[in-house]
Structure formats: structure tokens, C-alpha cells
Amino acid sequence: MELKFEQGTPRTLRLALLPLKKAGAQLVADMDAAGTGKRCGVCCKPFNEARKWRSVARLVYGGDMVLMVAWKLCGKCAYDAKQNSGHVPDCLKREAESVVKAARLAISDAEGTA
């Protein structure tokens, strides 16, 4: 996963806090504009004519800064997630946690000397 930072604006904060049913279309449009979201977030298979994206998974982390991580899911992975009470798959949670750690490390001030 390529790590991209975007300066927070009221629009991006709104996408992070709105229910996914209202923000999903805009998230997909942003992924397409940025050139990301070409593969399923869970199985990593590329989207094509036969395998279309069917759902969006999103995790929002709060605290001193708000971080949002989102993925497109193929039909099979979206079905599996729906069978799991609609929860984001564990593999995506682990990936998001590593992205959040990297983002917090990247924006933190350096302390001490090396």
C-alpha cells in the first residue's frame, strides 16, 4: 500500500465522519482521481470487467489527529465482510494500524540525536 498524506480540510473531515452510505461514492471518486483502489483491499486481485468493486471498507482513527483509511472490496470479499456482521476484515485492520503508526511517525517531531 502506498502511503499518501492529504492536508485535512472540512471536506475530508466530513468524509471521515459521515456514515459510509453517504460518503462511499465520494471516497471511490477520490480513489479513482488519485489512481489508487485498482485492486481489492483483501484479496489484492485487480478489478476488471469480470471482477468489479462492490463495497467500500473504511476505518477512522481519532486522537490528536484524524486519519481515515479506505479500500474498495470485490464482491466475494464484500460478501465475506457482510457475513462477519459488516466488520472490516482483520487483515485490513492490521494494515490500517501499520499505516497509522507510519503516519504518526512521519509527522512527529524528532527527539534526541542519532
Protein backbone atom coordinates (compact mmCIF):
# COMPACT_ATOMS: atom_id res chain seq x y z
CA MET A 1 0.00 0.00 0.00
CA GLU A 2 1.31 3.39 -0.96
CA LEU A 3 1.12 5.92 1.85
CA LYS A 4 -0.27 9.29 0.77
CA PHE A 5 -1.00 12.20 3.06
CA GLU A 6 -3.59 14.83 2.32
CA GLN A 7 -3.90 18.02 4.32
CA GLY A 8 -7.12 17.91 6.28
CA THR A 9 -9.92 20.11 5.05
CA PRO A 10 -13.52 20.37 6.21
CA ARG A 11 -14.44 18.20 3.20
CA THR A 12 -12.05 15.37 4.13
CA LEU A 13 -13.12 15.53 7.76
CA ARG A 14 -16.75 15.30 6.63
CA LEU A 15 -15.89 12.16 4.60
CA ALA A 16 -14.31 10.61 7.68
CA LEU A 17 -17.29 11.31 9.93
CA LEU A 18 -20.30 10.81 7.64
CA PRO A 19 -21.95 7.40 7.53
CA LEU A 20 -20.30 5.26 4.85
CA LYS A 21 -23.53 5.04 2.82
CA LYS A 22 -23.38 8.82 2.28
CA ALA A 23 -19.60 9.17 1.87
CA GLY A 24 -18.82 5.98 -0.08
CA ALA A 25 -19.35 7.41 -3.57
CA GLN A 26 -17.10 10.38 -2.85
CA LEU A 27 -14.40 8.11 -1.36
CA VAL A 28 -14.44 5.99 -4.52
CA ALA A 29 -14.24 9.09 -6.70
CA ASP A 30 -11.25 10.33 -4.69
CA MET A 31 -9.52 6.93 -5.00
CA ASP A 32 -10.07 6.93 -8.76
CA ALA A 33 -8.76 10.51 -9.08
CA ALA A 34 -5.65 9.64 -7.03
CA GLY A 35 -5.01 6.47 -9.03
CA THR A 36 -5.48 4.15 -6.05
CA GLY A 37 -8.10 1.50 -5.44
CA LYS A 38 -7.29 -0.56 -8.53
CA ARG A 39 -7.20 -3.81 -6.51
CA CYS A 40 -9.39 -5.39 -3.87
CA GLY A 41 -8.20 -4.44 -0.41
CA VAL A 42 -8.49 -8.00 0.94
CA CYS A 43 -7.56 -10.42 -1.86
CA CYS A 44 -5.44 -7.88 -3.85
CA LYS A 45 -6.87 -9.10 -7.15
CA PRO A 46 -7.16 -6.33 -9.77
CA PHE A 47 -10.57 -5.03 -10.76
CA ASN A 48 -11.59 -5.69 -14.37
CA GLU A 49 -14.74 -6.37 -16.38
CA ALA A 50 -15.41 -9.64 -14.56
CA ARG A 51 -14.33 -8.57 -11.05
CA LYS A 52 -15.89 -5.23 -10.17
CA TRP A 53 -15.68 -3.42 -6.87
CA ARG A 54 -18.85 -3.89 -4.84
CA SER A 55 -18.23 -2.22 -1.50
CA VAL A 56 -16.02 0.18 0.42
CA ALA A 57 -14.36 -0.55 3.76
CA ARG A 58 -13.30 2.41 5.89
CA LEU A 59 -11.53 2.81 9.22
CA VAL A 60 -11.24 6.14 11.03
CA TYR A 61 -8.68 6.73 13.77
CA GLY A 62 -9.05 9.68 16.13
CA GLY A 63 -6.91 11.22 18.81
CA ASP A 64 -4.54 14.10 18.25
CA MET A 65 -5.24 13.82 14.51
CA VAL A 66 -7.97 12.16 12.50
CA LEU A 67 -6.78 9.55 9.99
CA MET A 68 -9.04 7.73 7.58
CA VAL A 69 -8.06 4.62 5.60
CA ALA A 70 -10.40 3.23 2.93
CA TRP A 71 -10.37 0.30 0.50
CA LYS A 72 -12.54 -0.96 -2.34
CA LEU A 73 -13.70 -4.58 -1.99
CA CYS A 74 -14.62 -7.10 -4.67
CA GLY A 75 -17.93 -8.96 -4.50
CA LYS A 76 -16.56 -12.07 -2.77
CA CYS A 77 -14.66 -10.12 -0.11
CA ALA A 78 -17.61 -7.75 0.43
CA TYR A 79 -19.87 -10.77 0.92
CA ASP A 80 -17.42 -12.30 3.42
CA ALA A 81 -17.27 -9.00 5.33
CA LYS A 82 -21.06 -8.79 5.37
CA GLN A 83 -21.24 -12.32 6.79
CA ASN A 84 -18.86 -11.14 9.54
CA SER A 85 -21.53 -8.72 10.83
CA GLY A 86 -20.30 -6.00 8.46
CA HIS A 87 -16.98 -5.62 10.26
CA VAL A 88 -13.80 -4.69 8.42
CA PRO A 89 -11.65 -7.82 7.84
CA ASP A 90 -8.77 -8.33 10.27
CA CYS A 91 -6.12 -8.14 7.54
CA LEU A 92 -7.30 -4.61 6.70
CA LYS A 93 -7.30 -3.62 10.37
CA ARG A 94 -3.67 -4.72 10.68
CA GLU A 95 -2.74 -2.85 7.51
CA ALA A 96 -4.50 0.29 8.74
CA GLU A 97 -2.74 0.12 12.10
CA SER A 98 0.64 -0.01 10.37
CA VAL A 99 -0.32 2.93 8.15
CA VAL A 100 -1.43 4.94 11.19
CA LYS A 101 1.83 4.17 13.00
CA ALA A 102 3.84 5.24 9.94
CA ALA A 103 1.79 8.44 9.55
CA ARG A 104 2.21 9.40 13.20
CA LEU A 105 5.94 8.70 12.99
CA ALA A 106 6.24 10.78 9.82
CA ILE A 107 4.59 13.86 11.32
CA SER A 108 6.14 13.62 14.79
CA ASP A 109 8.98 15.90 15.79
CA ALA A 110 12.43 14.37 16.08
CA GLU A 111 13.62 13.94 19.64
CA GLY A 112 17.23 13.46 20.72
CA THR A 113 20.18 12.74 18.49
CA ALA A 114 21.19 9.73 16.48
